[in-house]
All heavy atoms as atom14 arrays in JSON, in Angstrom:
{
  "sequence": "RTSRKHARLKYTVEDRGIDVFRAEVEARAGIKFEAPKPFAFTSMGDRY",
  "atom14_mask": [
    [1, 1, 1, 1, 1, 1, 1, 1, 1, 1, 1, 0, 0, 0],
    [1, 1, 1, 1, 1, 1, 1, 0, 0, 0, 0, 0, 0, 0],
    [1, 1, 1, 1, 1, 1, 0, 0, 0, 0, 0, 0, 0, 0],
    [1, 1, 1, 1, 1, 1, 1, 1, 1, 1, 1, 0, 0, 0],
    [1, 1, 1, 1, 1, 1, 1, 1, 1, 0, 0, 0, 0, 0],
    [1, 1, 1, 1, 1, 1, 1, 1, 1, 1, 0, 0, 0, 0],
    [1, 1, 1, 1, 1, 0, 0, 0, 0, 0, 0, 0, 0, 0],
    [1, 1, 1, 1, 1, 1, 1, 1, 1, 1, 1, 0, 0, 0],
    [1, 1, 1, 1, 1, 1, 1, 1, 0, 0, 0, 0, 0, 0],
    [1, 1, 1, 1, 1, 1, 1, 1, 1, 0, 0, 0, 0, 0],
    [1, 1, 1, 1, 1, 1, 1, 1, 1, 1, 1, 1, 0, 0],
    [1, 1, 1, 1, 1, 1, 1, 0, 0, 0, 0, 0, 0, 0],
    [1, 1, 1, 1, 1, 1, 1, 0, 0, 0, 0, 0, 0, 0],
    [1, 1, 1, 1, 1, 1, 1, 1, 1, 0, 0, 0, 0, 0],
    [1, 1, 1, 1, 1, 1, 1, 1, 0, 0, 0, 0, 0, 0],
    [1, 1, 1, 1, 1, 1, 1, 1, 1, 1, 1, 0, 0, 0],
    [1, 1, 1, 1, 0, 0, 0, 0, 0, 0, 0, 0, 0, 0],
    [1, 1, 1, 1, 1, 1, 1, 1, 0, 0, 0, 0, 0, 0],
    [1, 1, 1, 1, 1, 1, 1, 1, 0, 0, 0, 0, 0, 0],
    [1, 1, 1, 1, 1, 1, 1, 0, 0, 0, 0, 0, 0, 0],
    [1, 1, 1, 1, 1, 1, 1, 1, 1, 1, 1, 0, 0, 0],
    [1, 1, 1, 1, 1, 1, 1, 1, 1, 1, 1, 0, 0, 0],
    [1, 1, 1, 1, 1, 0, 0, 0, 0, 0, 0, 0, 0, 0],
    [1, 1, 1, 1, 1, 1, 1, 1, 1, 0, 0, 0, 0, 0],
    [1, 1, 1, 1, 1, 1, 1, 0, 0, 0, 0, 0, 0, 0],
    [1, 1, 1, 1, 1, 1, 1, 1, 1, 0, 0, 0, 0, 0],
    [1, 1, 1, 1, 1, 0, 0, 0, 0, 0, 0, 0, 0, 0],
    [1, 1, 1, 1, 1, 1, 1, 1, 1, 1, 1, 0, 0, 0],
    [1, 1, 1, 1, 1, 0, 0, 0, 0, 0, 0, 0, 0, 0],
    [1, 1, 1, 1, 0, 0, 0, 0, 0, 0, 0, 0, 0, 0],
    [1, 1, 1, 1, 1, 1, 1, 1, 0, 0, 0, 0, 0, 0],
    [1, 1, 1, 1, 1, 1, 1, 1, 1, 0, 0, 0, 0, 0],
    [1, 1, 1, 1, 1, 1, 1, 1, 1, 1, 1, 0, 0, 0],
    [1, 1, 1, 1, 1, 1, 1, 1, 1, 0, 0, 0, 0, 0],
    [1, 1, 1, 1, 1, 0, 0, 0, 0, 0, 0, 0, 0, 0],
    [1, 1, 1, 1, 1, 1, 1, 0, 0, 0, 0, 0, 0, 0],
    [1, 1, 1, 1, 1, 1, 1, 1, 1, 0, 0, 0, 0, 0],
    [1, 1, 1, 1, 1, 1, 1, 0, 0, 0, 0, 0, 0, 0],
    [1, 1, 1, 1, 1, 1, 1, 1, 1, 1, 1, 0, 0, 0],
    [1, 1, 1, 1, 1, 0, 0, 0, 0, 0, 0, 0, 0, 0],
    [1, 1, 1, 1, 1, 1, 1, 1, 1, 1, 1, 0, 0, 0],
    [1, 1, 1, 1, 1, 1, 1, 0, 0, 0, 0, 0, 0, 0],
    [1, 1, 1, 1, 1, 1, 0, 0, 0, 0, 0, 0, 0, 0],
    [1, 1, 1, 1, 1, 1, 1, 1, 0, 0, 0, 0, 0, 0],
    [1, 1, 1, 1, 0, 0, 0, 0, 0, 0, 0, 0, 0, 0],
    [1, 1, 1, 1, 1, 1, 1, 1, 0, 0, 0, 0, 0, 0],
    [1, 1, 1, 1, 1, 1, 1, 1, 1, 1, 1, 0, 0, 0],
    [1, 1, 1, 1, 1, 1, 1, 1, 1, 1, 1, 1, 0, 0]
  ],
  "atom14_positions": [
    [[73.16, 14.09, -117.19], [74.43, 13.39, -117.36], [74.24, 11.87, -117.46], [75.21, 11.12, -117.41], [75.39, 13.74, -116.22], [75.85, 15.2, -116.23], [76.82, 15.5, -115.12], [77.21, 16.91, -115.11], [78.27, 17.42, -115.72], [79.07, 16.61, -116.41], [78.55, 18.71, -115.65], [0.0, 0.0, 0.0], [0.0, 0.0, 0.0], [0.0, 0.0, 0.0]],
    [[73.01, 11.42, -117.61], [72.75, 9.98, -117.75], [72.55, 9.59, -119.2], [72.79, 8.44, -119.56], [71.51, 9.56, -116.94], [70.34, 10.16, -117.5], [71.67, 9.97, -115.48], [0.0, 0.0, 0.0], [0.0, 0.0, 0.0], [0.0, 0.0, 0.0], [0.0, 0.0, 0.0], [0.0, 0.0, 0.0], [0.0, 0.0, 0.0], [0.0, 0.0, 0.0]],
    [[72.1, 10.5, -120.04], [71.83, 10.2, -121.45], [72.44, 11.28, -122.32], [72.02, 12.45, -122.26], [70.32, 10.13, -121.71], [70.05, 10.06, -123.1], [0.0, 0.0, 0.0], [0.0, 0.0, 0.0], [0.0, 0.0, 0.0], [0.0, 0.0, 0.0], [0.0, 0.0, 0.0], [0.0, 0.0, 0.0], [0.0, 0.0, 0.0], [0.0, 0.0, 0.0]],
    [[73.4, 10.92, -123.14], [74.03, 11.9, -124.03], [73.02, 12.5, -125.01], [73.15, 13.66, -125.4], [75.17, 11.24, -124.81], [76.29, 10.66, -123.97], [77.24, 11.71, -123.47], [78.08, 12.27, -124.52], [78.94, 13.26, -124.33], [79.07, 13.8, -123.12], [79.68, 13.73, -125.32], [0.0, 0.0, 0.0], [0.0, 0.0, 0.0], [0.0, 0.0, 0.0]],
    [[72.03, 11.73, -125.38], [71.03, 12.22, -126.34], [70.09, 13.23, -125.71], [69.37, 13.93, -126.43], [70.24, 11.05, -126.93], [71.06, 10.15, -127.85], [70.21, 9.05, -128.44], [71.04, 8.17, -129.37], [70.23, 7.08, -129.97], [0.0, 0.0, 0.0], [0.0, 0.0, 0.0], [0.0, 0.0, 0.0], [0.0, 0.0, 0.0], [0.0, 0.0, 0.0]],
    [[70.08, 13.31, -124.38], [69.16, 14.22, -123.69], [69.94, 15.24, -122.86], [69.42, 15.84, -121.93], [68.23, 13.39, -122.79], [67.09, 14.16, -122.21], [67.05, 14.55, -120.89], [65.95, 14.64, -122.77], [65.93, 15.21, -120.65], [65.24, 15.29, -121.77], [0.0, 0.0, 0.0], [0.0, 0.0, 0.0], [0.0, 0.0, 0.0], [0.0, 0.0, 0.0]],
    [[71.21, 15.44, -123.22], [72.11, 16.22, -122.36], [72.27, 17.68, -122.78], [72.88, 18.45, -122.03], [73.49, 15.56, -122.31], [0.0, 0.0, 0.0], [0.0, 0.0, 0.0], [0.0, 0.0, 0.0], [0.0, 0.0, 0.0], [0.0, 0.0, 0.0], [0.0, 0.0, 0.0], [0.0, 0.0, 0.0], [0.0, 0.0, 0.0], [0.0, 0.0, 0.0]],
    [[71.75, 18.08, -123.93], [71.92, 19.47, -124.37], [71.02, 20.4, -123.56], [69.98, 20.01, -123.01], [71.61, 19.6, -125.86], [72.63, 18.96, -126.79], [73.96, 19.67, -126.81], [73.87, 21.05, -127.26], [73.9, 21.41, -128.55], [74.03, 20.51, -129.51], [73.84, 22.7, -128.88], [0.0, 0.0, 0.0], [0.0, 0.0, 0.0], [0.0, 0.0, 0.0]],
    [[71.37, 21.67, -123.56], [70.6, 22.69, -122.83], [69.16, 22.76, -123.3], [68.25, 23.05, -122.51], [71.28, 24.05, -122.98], [70.57, 25.26, -122.38], [70.41, 25.12, -120.87], [71.32, 26.55, -122.7], [0.0, 0.0, 0.0], [0.0, 0.0, 0.0], [0.0, 0.0, 0.0], [0.0, 0.0, 0.0], [0.0, 0.0, 0.0], [0.0, 0.0, 0.0]],
    [[68.91, 22.48, -124.58], [67.53, 22.59, -125.08], [66.58, 21.66, -124.31], [65.43, 22.03, -124.05], [67.48, 22.27, -126.58], [67.92, 20.87, -126.97], [67.9, 20.68, -128.48], [68.41, 19.3, -128.87], [68.39, 19.1, -130.34], [0.0, 0.0, 0.0], [0.0, 0.0, 0.0], [0.0, 0.0, 0.0], [0.0, 0.0, 0.0], [0.0, 0.0, 0.0]],
    [[67.07, 20.49, -123.91], [66.23, 19.57, -123.16], [66.09, 20.02, -121.7], [65.03, 19.81, -121.08], [66.8, 18.16, -123.23], [66.85, 17.61, -124.65], [68.07, 17.27, -125.24], [65.68, 17.45, -125.39], [68.13, 16.78, -126.53], [65.73, 16.95, -126.69], [66.96, 16.62, -127.25], [67.0, 16.15, -128.54], [0.0, 0.0, 0.0], [0.0, 0.0, 0.0]],
    [[67.13, 20.62, -121.15], [67.03, 21.17, -119.8], [65.94, 22.24, -119.74], [65.14, 22.27, -118.8], [68.38, 21.76, -119.36], [69.41, 20.79, -119.54], [68.34, 22.18, -117.9], [0.0, 0.0, 0.0], [0.0, 0.0, 0.0], [0.0, 0.0, 0.0], [0.0, 0.0, 0.0], [0.0, 0.0, 0.0], [0.0, 0.0, 0.0], [0.0, 0.0, 0.0]],
    [[65.92, 23.12, -120.74], [64.91, 24.18, -120.8], [63.53, 23.58, -120.98], [62.55, 24.0, -120.32], [65.24, 25.17, -121.92], [64.11, 26.18, -122.1], [66.54, 25.9, -121.63], [0.0, 0.0, 0.0], [0.0, 0.0, 0.0], [0.0, 0.0, 0.0], [0.0, 0.0, 0.0], [0.0, 0.0, 0.0], [0.0, 0.0, 0.0], [0.0, 0.0, 0.0]],
    [[63.4, 22.58, -121.85], [62.1, 21.93, -122.06], [61.62, 21.27, -120.76], [60.44, 21.35, -120.42], [62.23, 20.89, -123.17], [62.32, 21.44, -124.57], [60.97, 21.66, -125.21], [60.1, 20.78, -125.1], [60.78, 22.73, -125.83], [0.0, 0.0, 0.0], [0.0, 0.0, 0.0], [0.0, 0.0, 0.0], [0.0, 0.0, 0.0], [0.0, 0.0, 0.0]],
    [[62.52, 20.59, -120.07], [62.13, 19.85, -118.87], [61.83, 20.76, -117.69], [60.87, 20.52, -116.94], [63.24, 18.86, -118.48], [63.46, 17.77, -119.51], [62.58, 17.59, -120.38], [64.52, 17.11, -119.47], [0.0, 0.0, 0.0], [0.0, 0.0, 0.0], [0.0, 0.0, 0.0], [0.0, 0.0, 0.0], [0.0, 0.0, 0.0], [0.0, 0.0, 0.0]],
    [[62.63, 21.79, -117.5], [62.49, 22.66, -116.32], [61.52, 23.81, -116.55], [60.9, 24.32, -115.61], [63.86, 23.23, -115.94], [64.89, 22.18, -115.54], [64.78, 21.8, -114.09], [65.86, 20.93, -113.67], [66.32, 20.83, -112.44], [65.79, 21.57, -111.48], [67.29, 19.99, -112.13], [0.0, 0.0, 0.0], [0.0, 0.0, 0.0], [0.0, 0.0, 0.0]],
    [[61.45, 24.27, -117.81], [60.63, 25.43, -118.12], [61.45, 26.7, -118.13], [62.38, 26.86, -117.32], [0.0, 0.0, 0.0], [0.0, 0.0, 0.0], [0.0, 0.0, 0.0], [0.0, 0.0, 0.0], [0.0, 0.0, 0.0], [0.0, 0.0, 0.0], [0.0, 0.0, 0.0], [0.0, 0.0, 0.0], [0.0, 0.0, 0.0], [0.0, 0.0, 0.0]],
    [[61.12, 27.62, -119.02], [61.91, 28.83, -119.2], [61.86, 29.72, -117.96], [62.86, 30.36, -117.6], [61.44, 29.61, -120.46], [62.41, 30.75, -120.77], [60.04, 30.09, -120.32], [63.75, 30.32, -121.26], [0.0, 0.0, 0.0], [0.0, 0.0, 0.0], [0.0, 0.0, 0.0], [0.0, 0.0, 0.0], [0.0, 0.0, 0.0], [0.0, 0.0, 0.0]],
    [[60.73, 29.77, -117.26], [60.61, 30.65, -116.09], [61.5, 30.17, -114.94], [62.16, 30.99, -114.27], [59.15, 30.71, -115.63], [58.25, 31.41, -116.64], [58.78, 32.23, -117.42], [57.04, 31.12, -116.66], [0.0, 0.0, 0.0], [0.0, 0.0, 0.0], [0.0, 0.0, 0.0], [0.0, 0.0, 0.0], [0.0, 0.0, 0.0], [0.0, 0.0, 0.0]],
    [[61.54, 28.88, -114.71], [62.39, 28.32, -113.65], [63.86, 28.55, -113.99], [64.67, 28.92, -113.14], [62.09, 26.82, -113.46], [63.1, 26.19, -112.51], [60.67, 26.62, -112.95], [0.0, 0.0, 0.0], [0.0, 0.0, 0.0], [0.0, 0.0, 0.0], [0.0, 0.0, 0.0], [0.0, 0.0, 0.0], [0.0, 0.0, 0.0], [0.0, 0.0, 0.0]],
    [[64.2, 28.33, -115.26], [65.58, 28.52, -115.69], [65.99, 29.98, -115.53], [67.09, 30.29, -115.06], [65.76, 28.06, -117.14], [67.17, 27.76, -117.51], [67.64, 26.45, -117.52], [68.06, 28.77, -117.86], [68.96, 26.17, -117.86], [69.37, 28.49, -118.19], [69.83, 27.19, -118.18], [0.0, 0.0, 0.0], [0.0, 0.0, 0.0], [0.0, 0.0, 0.0]],
    [[65.11, 30.9, -115.93], [65.41, 32.33, -115.82], [65.68, 32.72, -114.36], [66.64, 33.45, -114.08], [64.25, 33.16, -116.37], [64.5, 34.66, -116.3], [63.26, 35.47, -116.68], [62.86, 35.2, -118.05], [61.75, 34.52, -118.39], [60.95, 34.03, -117.42], [61.44, 34.32, -119.64], [0.0, 0.0, 0.0], [0.0, 0.0, 0.0], [0.0, 0.0, 0.0]],
    [[64.85, 32.25, -113.46], [65.01, 32.6, -112.05], [66.36, 32.12, -111.52], [67.01, 32.83, -110.74], [63.87, 31.99, -111.24], [0.0, 0.0, 0.0], [0.0, 0.0, 0.0], [0.0, 0.0, 0.0], [0.0, 0.0, 0.0], [0.0, 0.0, 0.0], [0.0, 0.0, 0.0], [0.0, 0.0, 0.0], [0.0, 0.0, 0.0], [0.0, 0.0, 0.0]],
    [[66.8, 30.94, -111.94], [68.08, 30.43, -111.47], [69.24, 31.23, -112.04], [70.23, 31.52, -111.34], [68.22, 28.95, -111.83], [69.47, 28.29, -111.29], [69.49, 28.16, -109.78], [68.41, 28.3, -109.15], [70.58, 27.9, -109.22], [0.0, 0.0, 0.0], [0.0, 0.0, 0.0], [0.0, 0.0, 0.0], [0.0, 0.0, 0.0], [0.0, 0.0, 0.0]],
    [[69.15, 31.62, -113.31], [70.21, 32.44, -113.91], [70.28, 33.79, -113.21], [71.37, 34.29, -112.92], [69.97, 32.61, -115.42], [70.92, 33.65, -116.02], [70.13, 31.28, -116.14], [0.0, 0.0, 0.0], [0.0, 0.0, 0.0], [0.0, 0.0, 0.0], [0.0, 0.0, 0.0], [0.0, 0.0, 0.0], [0.0, 0.0, 0.0], [0.0, 0.0, 0.0]],
    [[69.14, 34.39, -112.94], [69.12, 35.68, -112.24], [69.78, 35.56, -110.87], [70.56, 36.44, -110.47], [67.68, 36.16, -112.1], [67.06, 36.63, -113.4], [65.61, 37.04, -113.26], [64.95, 36.53, -112.31], [65.12, 37.84, -114.06], [0.0, 0.0, 0.0], [0.0, 0.0, 0.0], [0.0, 0.0, 0.0], [0.0, 0.0, 0.0], [0.0, 0.0, 0.0]],
    [[69.48, 34.48, -110.15], [70.05, 34.3, -108.81], [71.57, 34.15, -108.89], [72.3, 34.73, -108.08], [69.42, 33.08, -108.15], [0.0, 0.0, 0.0], [0.0, 0.0, 0.0], [0.0, 0.0, 0.0], [0.0, 0.0, 0.0], [0.0, 0.0, 0.0], [0.0, 0.0, 0.0], [0.0, 0.0, 0.0], [0.0, 0.0, 0.0], [0.0, 0.0, 0.0]],
    [[72.05, 33.4, -109.86], [73.49, 33.16, -109.95], [74.24, 34.39, -110.49], [75.38, 34.64, -110.1], [73.76, 31.95, -110.83], [73.21, 30.66, -110.26], [73.73, 29.44, -111.0], [73.1, 28.22, -110.5], [73.6, 26.99, -110.65], [74.76, 26.83, -111.27], [72.95, 25.94, -110.19], [0.0, 0.0, 0.0], [0.0, 0.0, 0.0], [0.0, 0.0, 0.0]],
    [[73.62, 35.12, -111.42], [74.27, 36.29, -112.01], [74.1, 37.53, -111.15], [74.8, 38.53, -111.35], [73.73, 36.54, -113.41], [0.0, 0.0, 0.0], [0.0, 0.0, 0.0], [0.0, 0.0, 0.0], [0.0, 0.0, 0.0], [0.0, 0.0, 0.0], [0.0, 0.0, 0.0], [0.0, 0.0, 0.0], [0.0, 0.0, 0.0], [0.0, 0.0, 0.0]],
    [[73.16, 37.5, -110.21], [72.91, 38.65, -109.37], [72.27, 39.81, -110.12], [72.56, 40.98, -109.84], [0.0, 0.0, 0.0], [0.0, 0.0, 0.0], [0.0, 0.0, 0.0], [0.0, 0.0, 0.0], [0.0, 0.0, 0.0], [0.0, 0.0, 0.0], [0.0, 0.0, 0.0], [0.0, 0.0, 0.0], [0.0, 0.0, 0.0], [0.0, 0.0, 0.0]],
    [[71.41, 39.48, -111.07], [70.73, 40.51, -111.86], [69.25, 40.19, -111.95], [68.81, 39.12, -111.54], [71.31, 40.59, -113.3], [70.98, 39.3, -114.07], [72.79, 40.84, -113.29], [70.81, 39.47, -115.53], [0.0, 0.0, 0.0], [0.0, 0.0, 0.0], [0.0, 0.0, 0.0], [0.0, 0.0, 0.0], [0.0, 0.0, 0.0], [0.0, 0.0, 0.0]],
    [[68.51, 41.12, -112.53], [67.11, 40.89, -112.85], [66.91, 41.24, -114.31], [67.17, 42.37, -114.73], [66.21, 41.77, -111.96], [64.73, 41.45, -112.11], [64.37, 40.15, -111.43], [62.85, 39.9, -111.46], [62.5, 38.58, -110.86], [0.0, 0.0, 0.0], [0.0, 0.0, 0.0], [0.0, 0.0, 0.0], [0.0, 0.0, 0.0], [0.0, 0.0, 0.0]],
    [[66.5, 40.27, -115.1], [66.27, 40.54, -116.52], [65.1, 41.5, -116.71], [64.1, 41.43, -116.0], [65.94, 39.24, -117.28], [67.12, 38.35, -117.52], [67.22, 37.12, -116.89], [68.11, 38.73, -118.41], [68.3, 36.28, -117.12], [69.2, 37.91, -118.65], [69.3, 36.69, -118.01], [0.0, 0.0, 0.0], [0.0, 0.0, 0.0], [0.0, 0.0, 0.0]],
    [[65.23, 42.38, -117.68], [64.1, 43.16, -118.15], [63.41, 42.39, -119.26], [63.94, 41.4, -119.78], [64.57, 44.52, -118.67], [65.23, 45.4, -117.63], [65.68, 46.73, -118.22], [64.98, 47.24, -119.13], [66.73, 47.24, -117.81], [0.0, 0.0, 0.0], [0.0, 0.0, 0.0], [0.0, 0.0, 0.0], [0.0, 0.0, 0.0], [0.0, 0.0, 0.0]],
    [[62.22, 42.84, -119.63], [61.52, 42.22, -120.76], [62.35, 42.42, -122.03], [63.02, 43.44, -122.19], [60.14, 42.83, -120.93], [0.0, 0.0, 0.0], [0.0, 0.0, 0.0], [0.0, 0.0, 0.0], [0.0, 0.0, 0.0], [0.0, 0.0, 0.0], [0.0, 0.0, 0.0], [0.0, 0.0, 0.0], [0.0, 0.0, 0.0], [0.0, 0.0, 0.0]],
    [[62.35, 41.45, -122.95], [63.1, 41.6, -124.2], [62.7, 42.86, -124.95], [61.52, 43.25, -124.97], [62.74, 40.34, -124.99], [62.34, 39.34, -123.95], [61.66, 40.15, -122.86], [0.0, 0.0, 0.0], [0.0, 0.0, 0.0], [0.0, 0.0, 0.0], [0.0, 0.0, 0.0], [0.0, 0.0, 0.0], [0.0, 0.0, 0.0], [0.0, 0.0, 0.0]],
    [[63.67, 43.49, -125.58], [63.43, 44.7, -126.36], [63.1, 44.34, -127.81], [63.51, 43.28, -128.31], [64.66, 45.61, -126.33], [65.16, 45.95, -124.94], [64.18, 46.78, -124.15], [64.77, 47.2, -122.8], [63.82, 47.95, -121.96], [0.0, 0.0, 0.0], [0.0, 0.0, 0.0], [0.0, 0.0, 0.0], [0.0, 0.0, 0.0], [0.0, 0.0, 0.0]],
    [[62.37, 45.19, -128.51], [62.02, 44.9, -129.91], [63.26, 44.83, -130.8], [64.23, 45.58, -130.62], [61.13, 46.09, -130.3], [60.65, 46.68, -129.02], [61.76, 46.45, -128.03], [0.0, 0.0, 0.0], [0.0, 0.0, 0.0], [0.0, 0.0, 0.0], [0.0, 0.0, 0.0], [0.0, 0.0, 0.0], [0.0, 0.0, 0.0], [0.0, 0.0, 0.0]],
    [[63.22, 43.93, -131.78], [64.28, 43.81, -132.78], [63.68, 43.06, -133.96], [62.6, 42.48, -133.88], [65.49, 43.04, -132.23], [65.22, 41.59, -131.95], [65.55, 40.62, -132.88], [64.62, 41.19, -130.75], [65.28, 39.28, -132.62], [64.35, 39.87, -130.49], [64.68, 38.9, -131.43], [0.0, 0.0, 0.0], [0.0, 0.0, 0.0], [0.0, 0.0, 0.0]],
    [[64.4, 43.05, -135.07], [63.92, 42.33, -136.26], [65.1, 41.84, -137.07], [66.07, 42.57, -137.29], [63.04, 43.24, -137.12], [0.0, 0.0, 0.0], [0.0, 0.0, 0.0], [0.0, 0.0, 0.0], [0.0, 0.0, 0.0], [0.0, 0.0, 0.0], [0.0, 0.0, 0.0], [0.0, 0.0, 0.0], [0.0, 0.0, 0.0], [0.0, 0.0, 0.0]],
    [[65.02, 40.58, -137.51], [65.97, 40.01, -138.45], [65.33, 39.96, -139.83], [64.13, 39.72, -139.95], [66.38, 38.6, -138.03], [67.23, 38.53, -136.81], [66.85, 37.76, -135.71], [68.43, 39.22, -136.73], [67.64, 37.68, -134.58], [69.23, 39.16, -135.59], [68.83, 38.38, -134.52], [0.0, 0.0, 0.0], [0.0, 0.0, 0.0], [0.0, 0.0, 0.0]],
    [[66.15, 40.16, -140.85], [65.64, 40.11, -142.22], [66.26, 38.99, -143.04], [65.72, 38.63, -144.1], [65.88, 41.44, -142.95], [67.29, 41.74, -142.93], [65.12, 42.57, -142.27], [0.0, 0.0, 0.0], [0.0, 0.0, 0.0], [0.0, 0.0, 0.0], [0.0, 0.0, 0.0], [0.0, 0.0, 0.0], [0.0, 0.0, 0.0], [0.0, 0.0, 0.0]],
    [[67.38, 38.44, -142.59], [68.02, 37.36, -143.35], [69.05, 36.68, -142.46], [69.35, 37.16, -141.37], [68.71, 37.9, -144.6], [69.87, 38.63, -144.26], [0.0, 0.0, 0.0], [0.0, 0.0, 0.0], [0.0, 0.0, 0.0], [0.0, 0.0, 0.0], [0.0, 0.0, 0.0], [0.0, 0.0, 0.0], [0.0, 0.0, 0.0], [0.0, 0.0, 0.0]],
    [[69.58, 35.55, -142.94], [70.67, 34.89, -142.22], [71.83, 34.56, -143.15], [72.72, 33.78, -142.79], [70.17, 33.63, -141.52], [69.45, 32.63, -142.39], [68.86, 31.25, -141.34], [68.04, 30.24, -142.57], [0.0, 0.0, 0.0], [0.0, 0.0, 0.0], [0.0, 0.0, 0.0], [0.0, 0.0, 0.0], [0.0, 0.0, 0.0], [0.0, 0.0, 0.0]],
    [[71.84, 35.14, -144.33], [72.92, 34.9, -145.27], [73.98, 35.99, -145.22], [73.93, 36.9, -144.39], [0.0, 0.0, 0.0], [0.0, 0.0, 0.0], [0.0, 0.0, 0.0], [0.0, 0.0, 0.0], [0.0, 0.0, 0.0], [0.0, 0.0, 0.0], [0.0, 0.0, 0.0], [0.0, 0.0, 0.0], [0.0, 0.0, 0.0], [0.0, 0.0, 0.0]],
    [[74.97, 35.87, -146.1], [76.06, 36.84, -146.18], [75.78, 37.89, -147.26], [75.07, 37.63, -148.24], [77.38, 36.13, -146.51], [77.89, 35.29, -145.35], [77.58, 35.62, -144.2], [78.59, 34.29, -145.61], [0.0, 0.0, 0.0], [0.0, 0.0, 0.0], [0.0, 0.0, 0.0], [0.0, 0.0, 0.0], [0.0, 0.0, 0.0], [0.0, 0.0, 0.0]],
    [[76.38, 39.06, -147.1], [76.32, 40.12, -148.1], [77.55, 40.01, -148.98], [78.66, 40.34, -148.56], [76.28, 41.49, -147.43], [75.05, 41.75, -146.59], [75.17, 43.1, -145.87], [75.33, 44.2, -146.81], [75.66, 45.45, -146.44], [75.88, 45.72, -145.17], [75.77, 46.39, -147.35], [0.0, 0.0, 0.0], [0.0, 0.0, 0.0], [0.0, 0.0, 0.0]],
    [[77.36, 39.51, -150.19], [78.5, 39.26, -151.08], [78.95, 40.53, -151.79], [78.22, 41.51, -151.9], [78.13, 38.2, -152.12], [77.91, 36.83, -151.54], [76.63, 36.3, -151.41], [78.98, 36.07, -151.09], [76.42, 35.04, -150.87], [78.78, 34.81, -150.54], [77.51, 34.3, -150.44], [77.31, 33.05, -149.9], [0.0, 0.0, 0.0], [0.0, 0.0, 0.0]]
  ]
}
């Protein structure tokens, strides 16, 4: 909250690390994440 240019979540994750962030989310949500499941994207456009 001191620098608007450094205030987005992407910088919080970079600064704290994904593992620390995950542990805090799990504690607040009262859950335990499983490992990500397989998936695949093929495009990001629209089907006209």
